[in-house]
C-alpha cells in the first residue's frame, strides 16, 4: 500500500494534483515492492517493476485516481488491474440523470 500526498488547491493550481498522482503512479510502476523479512522490516529495495496495480481514491481523490490511470502510457496501463473511486466525482459535466432525480427532499432527509 502506498499513500501519497499531493498538492492541493487553492494553494496549487491545476494540474498540480494530477501531475503528482501521475508521477506517483509512474514511480510505483517502476519500483516493485521492497523485500521484507518475517518481521515486516524492509531489508532491501526492489529493482523489479511492480505488477497488478490497483489505484483508489475517495471523493475528489477518486476522480483524481481515475484521471491518473487514464493519463498513463500503455506500459503503465497494462499493469493496472483496477481503479476504485469511492464517491468519485467522475461526471464533470453534471449531465447524468441522477443530478435531477437525486434532488434534496426535506420530507425524506434532514440535517
Foldseek 3Di string as FASTA:
>chain_A
DDDDDWDDPPVDDPPRRLVRLLVVLVVQQQWACADADPVRHGDGTGRHGHAADEEEDEECGLLSQVSSLVPDDPSSVVRYPYYYYHNYPNPPVCPDCCSVVVDDDCVVDDD
